[in-house]
Amino acid sequence: MKIAVVILNWNGQKLLEQFLPSVIQYSPEAVIYVADNASTDHSIAFVKANFPSVQIVKNDSNFGFAQGYNEALKHIDAEIYALVNSDIEVTEHWLQPILENFDNEPKTAIIQPKIVDFKNKEYFEYAGAAGGFIDKFGYPFCRGRIFETIEKDLGQYDDNCEIFWASGACFFIRSSVYKSLNGFDEDFFAHQEEIDLCWRAFNKGYQIKYNSKSVVFHVGGATLQQGNPRKTFLNFRNSLLMLVKNLPKSSLYKILFLRMLLDGLAGIQFLLKGKFSHFLAILEAHYSFYCLFSKNYRKRDSFQSDQYYKTKSIVFTYFIKHGTIFEKLF
């Protein structure tokens, strides 16, 4: 099998009802799977009754995004994995440009399509937009989205180019690369595990690409909304874990220290805004990070590139210099 489209599901029957039909209609090249994280709703019965061509992989528990995919993909044999959120609507011929990329570019290991907001299709979607980058301190941003500023899609990113990370909302990867990197890091549970995987691939010399000819629409926040303290915890903790694993040794502790100071400033901002639960989430994230530090330090590979970042500080650029539009910054 050339390509498998794998949709991770947990109690997402309503999302499958709404979005699975477009995946089936526009993916004749692929075998489609629903990987279920031990749902307690009627998701699987619904899929079996209404979409018999879709294959089911059942996980034993709700393993989250990272382990959920790791477990499911053990049972799926394909050259290319297309890992697709259950709240993604795909478009006609969305797979063809991606497959052409992989066929023509042997060093390309991971690809992201253009991700547009399902609820406002004139704009990019927060989780990925037109491809991701990080700054020196590990803060992620995208072409088309810097922090909370999201750009209108005016064709400014209608290209095929190299990026640093691809969004887990719609994530294409060669299965051989996925296996060689041991998949997603299960310590992350969810959030930023795709950036970590891309960073590890980058350190191995692989390329990550964005292809605007493939377009999908993403609802976003269907599992955890932006204002959820659990999401704050996962993002802050996982970002620190990612730095421990992937930063060059010469700058690891300096950057970690400065990043944790910046986290402290973010915590103060939450307090000033009356968001006490988010302040506590950052404290919890740092405690969890300390507990996992040694384990994740041992995951470091033999080589970490020092050419990983697009800019020194996207925080300074955005909040101090008021730089909000990607193409005007670079």
Protein backbone atom coordinates (compact mmCIF):
# COMPACT_ATOMS: atom_id res chain seq x y z
CA MET A 1 0.00 0.00 0.00
CA LYS A 2 1.33 3.43 -0.96
CA ILE A 3 -0.53 5.65 1.52
CA ALA A 4 -2.70 5.15 4.58
CA VAL A 5 -4.88 7.96 5.93
CA VAL A 6 -5.12 7.43 9.69
CA ILE A 7 -7.63 9.37 11.78
CA LEU A 8 -7.13 9.19 15.54
CA ASN A 9 -10.45 9.18 17.37
CA TRP A 10 -11.62 9.46 20.95
CA ASN A 11 -15.35 9.89 21.52
CA GLY A 12 -15.58 11.79 18.26
CA GLN A 13 -18.66 10.35 16.61
CA LYS A 14 -20.06 13.78 15.69
CA LEU A 15 -16.77 14.81 14.09
CA LEU A 16 -16.58 11.54 12.15
CA GLU A 17 -20.15 12.04 10.94
CA GLN A 18 -19.26 15.49 9.66
CA PHE A 19 -15.75 15.07 8.28
CA LEU A 20 -15.10 11.42 7.40
CA PRO A 21 -17.26 11.62 4.22
CA SER A 22 -14.91 14.17 2.60
CA VAL A 23 -11.89 12.00 3.40
CA ILE A 24 -13.54 8.97 1.81
CA GLN A 25 -14.76 10.92 -1.22
CA TYR A 26 -11.44 12.59 -2.04
CA SER A 27 -8.92 9.88 -1.09
CA PRO A 28 -9.18 7.14 -3.76
CA GLU A 29 -5.41 6.61 -3.60
CA ALA A 30 -5.48 5.65 0.09
CA VAL A 31 -6.71 3.05 2.52
CA ILE A 32 -8.51 4.89 5.32
CA TYR A 33 -8.22 3.91 8.97
CA VAL A 34 -9.87 5.13 12.15
CA ALA A 35 -7.53 4.52 15.07
CA ASP A 36 -9.70 4.52 18.17
CA ASN A 37 -8.36 5.44 21.62
CA ALA A 38 -10.84 3.29 23.57
CA SER A 39 -13.85 5.53 22.94
CA THR A 40 -16.88 5.16 25.19
CA ASP A 41 -19.35 6.65 22.71
CA HIS A 42 -20.70 4.90 19.59
CA SER A 43 -17.90 6.04 17.25
CA ILE A 44 -16.79 2.62 16.09
CA ALA A 45 -20.30 1.20 15.68
CA PHE A 46 -21.18 4.29 13.62
CA VAL A 47 -18.17 3.89 11.31
CA LYS A 48 -18.78 0.17 10.82
CA ALA A 49 -22.45 0.73 10.00
CA ASN A 50 -22.02 3.70 7.68
CA PHE A 51 -18.51 3.44 6.19
CA PRO A 52 -17.67 -0.27 5.81
CA SER A 53 -14.64 0.50 3.60
CA VAL A 54 -12.91 2.23 6.54
CA GLN A 55 -10.56 0.01 8.54
CA ILE A 56 -10.66 0.10 12.34
CA VAL A 57 -7.68 -0.15 14.68
CA LYS A 58 -8.57 -0.35 18.36
CA ASN A 59 -6.21 0.87 21.07
CA ASP A 60 -6.59 -0.52 24.60
CA SER A 61 -6.81 2.86 26.31
CA ASN A 62 -6.93 6.60 25.67
CA PHE A 63 -3.22 6.98 25.00
CA GLY A 64 -3.45 10.58 23.80
CA PHE A 65 -2.10 11.77 20.46
CA ALA A 66 1.49 10.54 20.70
CA GLN A 67 1.12 7.00 22.03
CA GLY A 68 -2.26 6.66 20.34
CA TYR A 69 -0.66 6.97 16.92
CA ASN A 70 2.39 4.93 17.92
CA GLU A 71 0.21 2.01 18.95
CA ALA A 72 -2.12 2.20 15.96
CA LEU A 73 0.61 2.50 13.33
CA LYS A 74 2.15 -0.78 14.48
CA HIS A 75 -0.81 -2.43 12.75
CA ILE A 76 -0.75 -0.42 9.52
CA ASP A 77 1.54 -1.24 6.60
CA ALA A 78 2.04 1.64 4.16
CA GLU A 79 4.87 3.64 2.59
CA ILE A 80 3.33 6.96 3.62
CA TYR A 81 1.29 7.75 6.71
CA ALA A 82 -1.19 10.63 6.51
CA LEU A 83 -2.07 11.42 10.13
CA VAL A 84 -5.27 13.44 10.02
CA ASN A 85 -7.29 15.01 12.84
CA SER A 86 -10.94 14.01 13.01
CA ASP A 87 -11.94 17.68 12.57
CA ILE A 88 -10.29 18.04 9.15
CA GLU A 89 -12.23 18.49 5.91
CA VAL A 90 -10.11 17.59 2.89
CA THR A 91 -10.46 18.84 -0.68
CA GLU A 92 -10.43 17.18 -4.08
CA HIS A 93 -6.99 15.93 -5.21
CA TRP A 94 -5.47 16.76 -1.81
CA LEU A 95 -3.23 13.68 -1.84
CA GLN A 96 -1.78 13.98 -5.35
CA PRO A 97 0.62 16.94 -4.73
CA ILE A 98 1.88 15.28 -1.56
CA LEU A 99 2.58 11.95 -3.25
CA GLU A 100 4.37 13.76 -6.10
CA ASN A 101 6.56 15.52 -3.51
CA PHE A 102 7.55 12.24 -1.91
CA ASP A 103 8.16 10.55 -5.28
CA ASN A 104 10.38 13.34 -6.59
CA GLU A 105 12.26 14.30 -3.41
CA PRO A 106 13.93 11.35 -1.66
CA LYS A 107 15.24 13.51 1.22
CA THR A 108 11.79 14.90 1.99
CA ALA A 109 10.51 12.95 4.99
CA ILE A 110 7.57 15.02 6.25
CA ILE A 111 5.05 17.24 4.45
CA GLN A 112 2.27 19.59 5.54
CA PRO A 113 -0.55 20.89 3.30
CA LYS A 114 -2.05 24.36 3.49
CA ILE A 115 -4.29 24.43 6.57
CA VAL A 116 -7.21 26.87 6.37
CA ASP A 117 -9.77 27.71 9.04
CA PHE A 118 -12.94 25.65 8.52
CA LYS A 119 -15.03 28.27 10.29
CA ASN A 120 -13.62 31.19 8.27
CA LYS A 121 -12.18 29.91 5.03
CA GLU A 122 -10.58 33.19 4.06
CA TYR A 123 -8.05 32.77 6.88
CA PHE A 124 -5.31 30.33 7.80
CA GLU A 125 -5.90 28.05 10.77
CA TYR A 126 -3.95 28.46 13.99
CA ALA A 127 -2.52 24.93 14.13
CA GLY A 128 -0.03 24.93 11.29
CA ALA A 129 -1.25 27.53 8.77
CA ALA A 130 1.36 27.49 5.97
CA GLY A 131 4.12 25.64 7.82
CA GLY A 132 5.95 26.05 11.09
CA PHE A 133 9.23 27.35 12.50
CA ILE A 134 10.66 27.97 15.98
CA ASP A 135 12.83 30.68 17.47
CA LYS A 136 16.02 30.16 19.45
CA PHE A 137 14.04 29.51 22.65
CA GLY A 138 11.72 26.95 21.09
CA TYR A 139 8.64 29.15 20.65
CA PRO A 140 6.67 27.91 17.63
CA PHE A 141 5.13 30.15 14.99
CA CYS A 142 3.89 29.71 11.44
CA ARG A 143 3.78 31.33 8.07
CA GLY A 144 0.34 32.84 8.41
CA ARG A 145 0.15 32.75 12.23
CA ILE A 146 2.33 34.34 14.88
CA PHE A 147 1.00 33.82 18.41
CA GLU A 148 -2.65 34.94 18.27
CA THR A 149 -2.41 36.90 15.01
CA ILE A 150 -3.76 34.89 12.09
CA GLU A 151 -3.38 36.11 8.52
CA LYS A 152 -5.90 36.13 5.73
CA ASP A 153 -5.05 33.71 2.92
CA LEU A 154 -4.31 36.00 -0.02
CA GLY A 155 -2.12 33.51 -1.85
CA GLN A 156 1.00 34.88 -0.20
CA TYR A 157 2.12 31.38 0.77
CA ASP A 158 1.08 29.51 -2.37
CA ASP A 159 4.38 27.74 -2.79
CA ASN A 160 6.27 24.53 -2.12
CA CYS A 161 9.05 25.22 0.36
CA GLU A 162 11.10 23.84 3.22
CA ILE A 163 9.81 24.46 6.74
CA PHE A 164 10.97 23.39 10.20
CA TRP A 165 7.85 21.64 11.49
CA ALA A 166 4.59 20.33 10.09
CA SER A 167 1.31 20.46 11.98
CA GLY A 168 0.01 17.30 13.60
CA ALA A 169 -3.46 18.31 12.42
CA CYS A 170 -2.54 16.97 8.97
CA PHE A 171 0.88 15.36 8.98
CA PHE A 172 2.40 13.27 6.18
CA ILE A 173 5.49 11.18 6.91
CA ARG A 174 7.37 8.32 5.31
CA SER A 175 6.72 5.24 7.42
CA SER A 176 10.40 4.28 7.26
CA VAL A 177 11.37 7.62 8.83
CA TYR A 178 8.62 7.39 11.44
CA LYS A 179 9.89 3.98 12.50
CA SER A 180 13.56 4.96 12.45
CA LEU A 181 12.77 7.86 14.82
CA ASN A 182 10.62 5.62 17.05
CA GLY A 183 7.55 7.70 16.30
CA PHE A 184 6.18 10.39 18.56
CA ASP A 185 7.57 10.82 22.06
CA GLU A 186 4.99 9.27 24.38
CA ASP A 187 6.07 11.40 27.34
CA PHE A 188 4.39 14.32 25.56
CA PHE A 189 0.90 12.73 25.55
CA ALA A 190 -0.36 15.55 23.30
CA HIS A 191 0.80 18.94 21.96
CA GLN A 192 4.14 19.74 20.33
CA GLU A 193 5.05 16.09 19.80
CA GLU A 194 4.98 16.79 16.05
CA ILE A 195 7.49 19.64 16.46
CA ASP A 196 9.75 17.35 18.46
CA LEU A 197 9.51 14.63 15.80
CA CYS A 198 10.29 17.14 13.04
CA TRP A 199 13.25 18.49 15.02
CA ARG A 200 14.63 14.98 15.44
CA ALA A 201 14.16 14.36 11.70
CA PHE A 202 15.92 17.67 10.96
CA ASN A 203 18.87 16.67 13.14
CA LYS A 204 19.11 13.47 11.06
CA GLY A 205 19.35 15.46 7.85
CA TYR A 206 15.80 14.96 6.58
CA GLN A 207 13.76 17.75 5.03
CA ILE A 208 10.28 18.92 6.08
CA LYS A 209 8.18 20.55 3.37
CA TYR A 210 5.02 22.59 2.89
CA ASN A 211 2.92 22.12 -0.24
CA SER A 212 0.18 24.69 -0.88
CA LYS A 213 -1.37 22.66 -3.72
CA SER A 214 -2.83 20.36 -1.08
CA VAL A 215 -5.51 22.18 0.93
CA VAL A 216 -7.44 21.09 4.02
CA PHE A 217 -9.82 22.89 6.38
CA HIS A 218 -9.39 22.49 10.13
CA VAL A 219 -11.90 23.28 12.86
CA GLY A 220 -9.23 23.44 15.58
CA GLY A 221 -9.65 23.09 19.33
CA ALA A 222 -12.06 20.16 19.02
CA THR A 223 -10.23 18.28 21.79
CA LEU A 224 -8.83 21.06 23.98
CA GLN A 225 -9.85 24.68 23.53
CA GLN A 226 -7.20 27.43 23.46
CA GLY A 227 -8.17 28.66 26.93
CA ASN A 228 -7.97 25.28 28.63
CA PRO A 229 -5.40 25.12 31.50
CA ARG A 230 -4.62 21.52 30.53
CA LYS A 231 -3.47 22.78 27.15
CA THR A 232 -1.33 25.44 28.87
CA PHE A 233 0.29 22.73 30.99
CA LEU A 234 1.05 20.46 28.03
CA ASN A 235 2.41 23.24 25.83
CA PHE A 236 4.75 24.67 28.49
CA ARG A 237 6.00 21.30 29.72
CA ASN A 238 6.43 19.72 26.30
CA SER A 239 8.26 22.73 24.93
CA LEU A 240 10.87 22.37 27.69
CA LEU A 241 11.18 18.62 27.10
CA MET A 242 11.71 19.27 23.41
CA LEU A 243 14.54 21.69 24.15
CA VAL A 244 16.29 19.19 26.43
CA LYS A 245 16.22 16.54 23.72
CA ASN A 246 17.17 18.62 20.69
CA LEU A 247 19.22 21.71 21.58
CA PRO A 248 22.98 21.68 20.89
CA LYS A 249 24.82 20.77 24.08
CA SER A 250 26.88 23.97 24.00
CA SER A 251 23.81 26.15 24.42
CA LEU A 252 21.39 23.79 26.18
CA TYR A 253 21.50 25.09 29.75
CA LYS A 254 21.74 28.77 28.84
CA ILE A 255 18.70 28.60 26.58
CA LEU A 256 16.77 26.46 29.05
CA PHE A 257 17.42 28.99 31.82
CA LEU A 258 16.31 31.94 29.68
CA ARG A 259 13.27 30.05 28.44
CA MET A 260 12.20 29.29 31.99
CA LEU A 261 12.53 32.97 32.87
CA LEU A 262 10.26 33.77 29.93
CA ASP A 263 7.82 31.16 31.21
CA GLY A 264 7.86 32.99 34.54
CA LEU A 265 6.95 36.24 32.79
CA ALA A 266 4.10 34.44 31.06
CA GLY A 267 2.92 33.19 34.45
CA ILE A 268 2.92 36.74 35.83
CA GLN A 269 0.87 37.84 32.83
CA PHE A 270 -1.70 35.17 33.60
CA LEU A 271 -1.88 36.36 37.21
CA LEU A 272 -2.36 39.98 36.14
CA LYS A 273 -5.20 38.88 33.87
CA GLY A 274 -6.84 36.91 36.68
CA LYS A 275 -6.14 33.56 35.01
CA PHE A 276 -4.97 31.79 38.16
CA SER A 277 -5.57 28.29 36.79
CA HIS A 278 -3.16 28.97 33.90
CA PHE A 279 -0.54 30.30 36.32
CA LEU A 280 -0.85 27.07 38.29
CA ALA A 281 -0.62 25.10 35.01
CA ILE A 282 2.79 26.65 34.32
CA LEU A 283 4.00 25.76 37.82
CA GLU A 284 2.74 22.21 37.32
CA ALA A 285 4.43 22.08 33.90
CA HIS A 286 7.79 23.05 35.38
CA TYR A 287 7.46 20.50 38.18
CA SER A 288 6.62 17.77 35.68
CA PHE A 289 9.55 18.89 33.52
CA TYR A 290 11.96 18.53 36.45
CA CYS A 291 10.64 15.02 37.10
CA LEU A 292 11.15 14.03 33.46
CA PHE A 293 14.45 15.86 32.86
CA SER A 294 16.87 12.95 33.32
CA LYS A 295 14.75 10.55 31.30
CA ASN A 296 14.51 12.96 28.39
CA TYR A 297 18.14 14.02 28.54
CA ARG A 298 19.02 10.38 27.89
CA LYS A 299 16.98 10.53 24.68
CA ARG A 300 19.41 13.03 23.13
CA ASP A 301 20.94 11.86 19.86
CA SER A 302 24.62 12.06 19.01
CA PHE A 303 24.14 15.20 16.90
CA GLN A 304 22.07 18.37 17.33
CA SER A 305 22.27 21.09 14.69
CA ASP A 306 22.68 24.71 15.80
CA GLN A 307 20.85 25.91 12.67
CA TYR A 308 17.39 25.05 13.95
CA TYR A 309 15.83 28.48 14.50
CA LYS A 310 14.36 31.04 12.11
CA THR A 311 14.80 34.07 14.40
CA LYS A 312 16.38 34.68 17.80
CA SER A 313 13.21 35.72 19.60
CA ILE A 314 9.75 35.74 18.10
CA VAL A 315 8.52 36.91 21.53
CA PHE A 316 10.57 40.12 21.26
CA THR A 317 9.61 40.60 17.62
CA TYR A 318 5.89 40.16 18.27
CA PHE A 319 5.34 41.80 21.66
CA ILE A 320 7.99 44.55 21.57
CA LYS A 321 8.46 45.33 17.87
CA HIS A 322 4.82 44.48 17.01
CA GLY A 323 5.82 42.24 14.13
CA THR A 324 2.74 40.19 13.33
CA ILE A 325 2.99 39.26 9.64
CA PHE A 326 5.43 36.48 8.76
CA GLU A 327 6.31 37.60 5.22
CA LYS A 328 7.16 41.11 6.48
CA LEU A 329 9.60 39.71 9.04
CA PHE A 330 11.62 37.42 6.80
